[in-house]
Amino acid sequence: SDSSGESAPTPAEEPFVAKIGTQTYKTLDEAIEAVQGDEVIEVGEDCTLTVGTIEKAVVINGKGHTISIPEQDTDNHALKINASLTFNKANVVFTNENAEWTVTMSGNGVLTLDEGSTCIIEKHGIYADNYATINVKGGSKLTVQNTSYTALMADKEFANLNIEGDSEVIVDRAENKNGVPNGINNFKIKVVNSTLTVTDCEKQGLVRCWLTLDNSNAEISNNGIGISGNNRTDV
């Protein structure tokens, strides 16, 4: 017996791309296909998400890794979020050169960034059907920049953008020299203990948005027009 009192070394964990419980998967896509109920997918290294459509609740713990989401193999080449997609501790980077939108959301779609996640979307933004929800919370940050059309656009019955818990949303540089791009259209925006920045949008910063600031800062600056309201919207 080992009289020194030292215990045997713990075996090193096998590397993995994604796992659910103890079951490992070669790709994040495979884990998303397999996930059921309220299981959490844990990411073990930088990886790519190409499932095309989110049709069920998916929670991804990025463990500080980068998750790249390229143009998707769907009819509109966007990631279609038709259920709840949550990123915790993840750095999410959308790389989408050609599609009209980087993300489209159905009315049941919920995109959540939590636990210090970051998300960067360039060139093409998010289109949300009525009642879809984007949550940026837990010290997370969403940046939508350099879009050639409106960065965050919803249908006329409004989608929801909730920014809370020392989090930040930045919309910057929506322009293509044709006078059309706006920053955010048709969202009900609630900012609690957080920051909203909408800058350098060619046409308007906020269009027909509800905006509530609670112990928060908003900078809506250097846009063609700052905020254009509408009957029955509340700022």
Protein backbone atom coordinates (compact mmCIF):
# COMPACT_ATOMS: atom_id res chain seq x y z
CA SER A 1 0.00 0.00 0.00
CA ASP A 2 1.02 3.62 -0.57
CA SER A 3 2.30 4.70 2.85
CA SER A 4 2.86 8.31 1.76
CA GLY A 5 -0.84 9.01 1.97
CA GLU A 6 -0.99 10.44 -1.52
CA SER A 7 -4.02 9.50 -3.58
CA ALA A 8 -3.69 8.30 -7.14
CA PRO A 9 -3.84 11.09 -9.74
CA THR A 10 -7.29 11.81 -11.15
CA PRO A 11 -7.48 10.62 -14.74
CA ALA A 12 -7.52 13.54 -17.19
CA GLU A 13 -10.91 14.18 -18.76
CA GLU A 14 -11.13 13.06 -22.37
CA PRO A 15 -11.50 16.04 -24.72
CA PHE A 16 -14.99 16.53 -26.16
CA VAL A 17 -16.82 18.99 -28.40
CA ALA A 18 -20.15 18.76 -26.62
CA LYS A 19 -21.75 16.60 -23.98
CA ILE A 20 -25.05 16.08 -22.20
CA GLY A 21 -24.46 14.65 -18.75
CA THR A 22 -21.71 12.08 -19.38
CA GLN A 23 -22.66 11.38 -23.00
CA THR A 24 -20.24 13.07 -25.40
CA TYR A 25 -20.89 14.10 -29.01
CA LYS A 26 -18.52 14.76 -31.90
CA THR A 27 -20.34 17.97 -32.87
CA LEU A 28 -22.57 20.55 -31.23
CA ASP A 29 -25.20 19.80 -33.88
CA GLU A 30 -25.37 16.15 -32.74
CA ALA A 31 -25.88 17.25 -29.14
CA ILE A 32 -28.67 19.63 -30.20
CA GLU A 33 -30.36 16.78 -32.07
CA ALA A 34 -30.12 14.58 -28.96
CA VAL A 35 -31.14 17.05 -26.27
CA GLN A 36 -34.47 16.43 -24.51
CA GLY A 37 -36.42 18.35 -21.93
CA ASP A 38 -34.34 20.64 -19.75
CA GLU A 39 -30.96 18.98 -20.35
CA VAL A 40 -28.01 21.34 -20.74
CA ILE A 41 -25.42 20.93 -23.49
CA GLU A 42 -21.89 21.58 -22.23
CA VAL A 43 -19.33 22.74 -24.78
CA GLY A 44 -15.74 21.48 -24.44
CA GLU A 45 -13.98 23.44 -27.19
CA ASP A 46 -14.58 26.08 -29.85
CA CYS A 47 -17.14 24.70 -32.27
CA THR A 48 -19.75 25.42 -34.93
CA LEU A 49 -23.56 25.35 -34.93
CA THR A 50 -25.19 24.49 -38.27
CA VAL A 51 -28.49 22.82 -37.34
CA GLY A 52 -30.46 25.31 -39.43
CA THR A 53 -33.55 25.44 -37.24
CA ILE A 54 -34.13 25.39 -33.48
CA GLU A 55 -37.43 23.54 -32.95
CA LYS A 56 -37.16 22.69 -29.23
CA ALA A 57 -35.73 24.21 -26.07
CA VAL A 58 -31.92 24.21 -26.25
CA VAL A 59 -29.61 25.43 -23.47
CA ILE A 60 -25.90 25.63 -24.24
CA ASN A 61 -23.23 26.21 -21.58
CA GLY A 62 -20.34 27.52 -23.63
CA LYS A 63 -17.81 27.29 -20.77
CA GLY A 64 -16.12 30.39 -22.23
CA HIS A 65 -15.66 28.88 -25.68
CA THR A 66 -16.53 30.45 -29.03
CA ILE A 67 -19.50 29.09 -30.96
CA SER A 68 -19.45 30.10 -34.64
CA ILE A 69 -22.75 30.16 -36.52
CA PRO A 70 -22.24 30.47 -40.29
CA GLU A 71 -24.87 30.87 -42.98
CA GLN A 72 -27.34 28.02 -42.51
CA ASP A 73 -28.69 25.43 -44.93
CA THR A 74 -32.29 26.67 -44.72
CA ASP A 75 -34.55 28.23 -47.34
CA ASN A 76 -33.57 31.73 -46.16
CA HIS A 77 -29.97 30.79 -45.17
CA ALA A 78 -30.65 32.17 -41.67
CA LEU A 79 -30.66 30.38 -38.33
CA LYS A 80 -34.38 29.91 -37.68
CA ILE A 81 -35.21 30.15 -33.99
CA ASN A 82 -38.71 28.70 -33.54
CA ALA A 83 -38.30 27.72 -29.87
CA SER A 84 -36.04 28.74 -26.97
CA LEU A 85 -32.27 28.97 -27.55
CA THR A 86 -30.15 29.96 -24.54
CA PHE A 87 -26.41 30.60 -24.40
CA ASN A 88 -24.62 30.72 -21.03
CA LYS A 89 -20.91 31.62 -20.71
CA ALA A 90 -20.59 31.56 -24.50
CA ASN A 91 -18.96 33.77 -27.12
CA VAL A 92 -21.30 33.53 -30.09
CA VAL A 93 -20.14 34.79 -33.49
CA PHE A 94 -22.44 34.82 -36.52
CA THR A 95 -20.63 34.80 -39.86
CA ASN A 96 -23.16 35.31 -42.62
CA GLU A 97 -22.11 36.89 -45.90
CA ASN A 98 -25.10 36.55 -48.17
CA ALA A 99 -28.41 35.86 -46.44
CA GLU A 100 -30.93 38.66 -46.04
CA TRP A 101 -31.11 37.92 -42.29
CA THR A 102 -28.64 36.22 -39.98
CA VAL A 103 -31.41 35.07 -37.60
CA THR A 104 -35.15 34.78 -38.10
CA MET A 105 -37.47 34.14 -35.15
CA SER A 106 -41.02 32.84 -35.13
CA GLY A 107 -43.52 34.16 -32.60
CA ASN A 108 -42.46 31.29 -30.32
CA GLY A 109 -38.77 32.09 -30.73
CA VAL A 110 -36.72 33.12 -27.69
CA LEU A 111 -33.03 33.96 -27.91
CA THR A 112 -31.31 34.39 -24.53
CA LEU A 113 -27.75 35.45 -23.75
CA ASP A 114 -26.93 34.91 -20.07
CA GLU A 115 -24.07 34.42 -17.60
CA GLY A 116 -21.61 36.76 -19.28
CA SER A 117 -22.20 35.65 -22.86
CA THR A 118 -21.30 37.77 -25.85
CA CYS A 119 -22.83 37.70 -29.31
CA ILE A 120 -21.66 39.54 -32.42
CA ILE A 121 -23.78 39.77 -35.58
CA GLU A 122 -22.46 41.57 -38.66
CA LYS A 123 -23.79 42.48 -42.12
CA HIS A 124 -27.30 41.06 -41.68
CA GLY A 125 -29.42 41.35 -38.56
CA ILE A 126 -32.38 39.68 -36.84
CA TYR A 127 -35.94 39.51 -38.13
CA ALA A 128 -38.50 38.61 -35.45
CA ASP A 129 -42.15 37.71 -35.90
CA ASN A 130 -44.71 39.19 -33.51
CA TYR A 131 -44.17 38.18 -29.85
CA ALA A 132 -40.67 36.74 -30.32
CA THR A 133 -38.31 37.62 -27.46
CA ILE A 134 -34.61 38.48 -27.19
CA ASN A 135 -33.19 38.44 -23.63
CA VAL A 136 -29.74 39.85 -22.86
CA LYS A 137 -29.01 39.41 -19.16
CA GLY A 138 -26.51 38.32 -16.54
CA GLY A 139 -23.76 40.68 -17.69
CA SER A 140 -24.08 39.67 -21.34
CA LYS A 141 -23.55 41.75 -24.48
CA LEU A 142 -25.21 41.68 -27.90
CA THR A 143 -23.63 43.65 -30.76
CA VAL A 144 -25.29 44.02 -34.17
CA GLN A 145 -23.12 46.09 -36.47
CA ASN A 146 -22.36 47.03 -40.07
CA THR A 147 -25.71 45.82 -41.37
CA SER A 148 -26.90 46.74 -44.86
CA TYR A 149 -30.52 46.74 -43.72
CA THR A 150 -32.30 47.33 -40.40
CA ALA A 151 -30.36 45.63 -37.60
CA LEU A 152 -33.24 44.40 -35.38
CA MET A 153 -36.60 44.29 -37.13
CA ALA A 154 -39.91 42.93 -35.88
CA ASP A 155 -43.39 42.67 -37.28
CA LYS A 156 -45.94 45.39 -36.51
CA GLU A 157 -47.45 43.70 -33.43
CA PHE A 158 -44.03 43.98 -31.76
CA ALA A 159 -41.35 41.60 -30.53
CA ASN A 160 -39.64 41.95 -27.14
CA LEU A 161 -36.09 43.01 -26.29
CA ASN A 162 -35.22 42.68 -22.59
CA ILE A 163 -31.83 43.98 -21.43
CA GLU A 164 -31.13 43.49 -17.73
CA GLY A 165 -28.60 42.64 -15.05
CA ASP A 166 -25.69 44.87 -16.07
CA SER A 167 -25.95 43.85 -19.72
CA GLU A 168 -25.53 45.75 -22.95
CA VAL A 169 -26.99 45.89 -26.45
CA ILE A 170 -25.14 47.82 -29.16
CA VAL A 171 -26.60 48.52 -32.60
CA ASP A 172 -24.05 50.37 -34.72
CA ARG A 173 -23.78 51.37 -38.37
CA ALA A 174 -26.87 50.21 -40.25
CA GLU A 175 -26.28 51.75 -43.66
CA ASN A 176 -26.11 51.08 -47.37
CA LYS A 177 -26.47 54.60 -48.84
CA ASN A 178 -30.06 54.09 -50.01
CA GLY A 179 -31.67 55.81 -47.03
CA VAL A 180 -33.48 52.69 -45.78
CA PRO A 181 -31.64 51.05 -42.84
CA ASN A 182 -32.85 51.72 -39.30
CA GLY A 183 -31.45 50.56 -35.98
CA ILE A 184 -34.43 48.86 -34.29
CA ASN A 185 -38.01 48.59 -35.62
CA ASN A 186 -41.14 47.44 -33.77
CA PHE A 187 -39.66 46.13 -30.51
CA LYS A 188 -40.89 46.59 -26.97
CA ILE A 189 -37.57 47.37 -25.29
CA LYS A 190 -37.07 47.16 -21.53
CA VAL A 191 -33.69 48.16 -20.12
CA VAL A 192 -33.10 47.47 -16.42
CA ASN A 193 -29.74 48.24 -14.77
CA SER A 194 -28.19 48.05 -18.23
CA THR A 195 -27.21 49.96 -21.37
CA LEU A 196 -28.67 50.39 -24.86
CA THR A 197 -26.64 52.06 -27.61
CA VAL A 198 -27.97 52.78 -31.11
CA THR A 199 -25.54 54.80 -33.21
CA ASP A 200 -24.73 55.74 -36.80
CA CYS A 201 -27.83 54.25 -38.42
CA GLU A 202 -28.52 55.78 -41.80
CA LYS A 203 -32.22 56.46 -41.37
CA GLN A 204 -33.57 56.21 -37.82
CA GLY A 205 -32.31 54.86 -34.52
CA LEU A 206 -35.57 53.55 -33.05
CA VAL A 207 -38.73 53.26 -35.13
CA ARG A 208 -42.10 52.58 -33.54
CA CYS A 209 -40.49 51.04 -30.47
CA TRP A 210 -41.67 51.01 -26.90
CA LEU A 211 -38.76 51.94 -24.65
CA THR A 212 -38.56 51.71 -20.87
CA LEU A 213 -35.35 52.69 -19.08
CA ASP A 214 -35.07 51.65 -15.42
CA ASN A 215 -31.85 52.73 -13.70
CA SER A 216 -30.25 52.46 -17.14
CA ASN A 217 -28.49 54.44 -19.83
CA ALA A 218 -29.40 54.75 -23.49
CA GLU A 219 -27.42 56.52 -26.16
CA ILE A 220 -29.35 57.08 -29.39
CA SER A 221 -26.97 59.26 -31.37
CA ASN A 222 -25.68 60.20 -34.81
CA ASN A 223 -28.60 58.52 -36.59
CA GLY A 224 -30.52 60.19 -39.41
CA ILE A 225 -33.40 60.62 -36.94
CA GLY A 226 -33.09 59.55 -33.32
CA ILE A 227 -36.48 58.14 -32.37
CA SER A 228 -39.68 58.20 -34.42
CA GLY A 229 -42.70 57.27 -32.37
CA ASN A 230 -46.14 56.10 -33.31
CA ASN A 231 -49.64 56.27 -31.89
CA ARG A 232 -49.99 53.98 -28.89
CA THR A 233 -46.30 53.36 -28.41
CA ASP A 234 -44.89 54.35 -25.02
CA VAL A 235 -41.45 55.78 -24.37
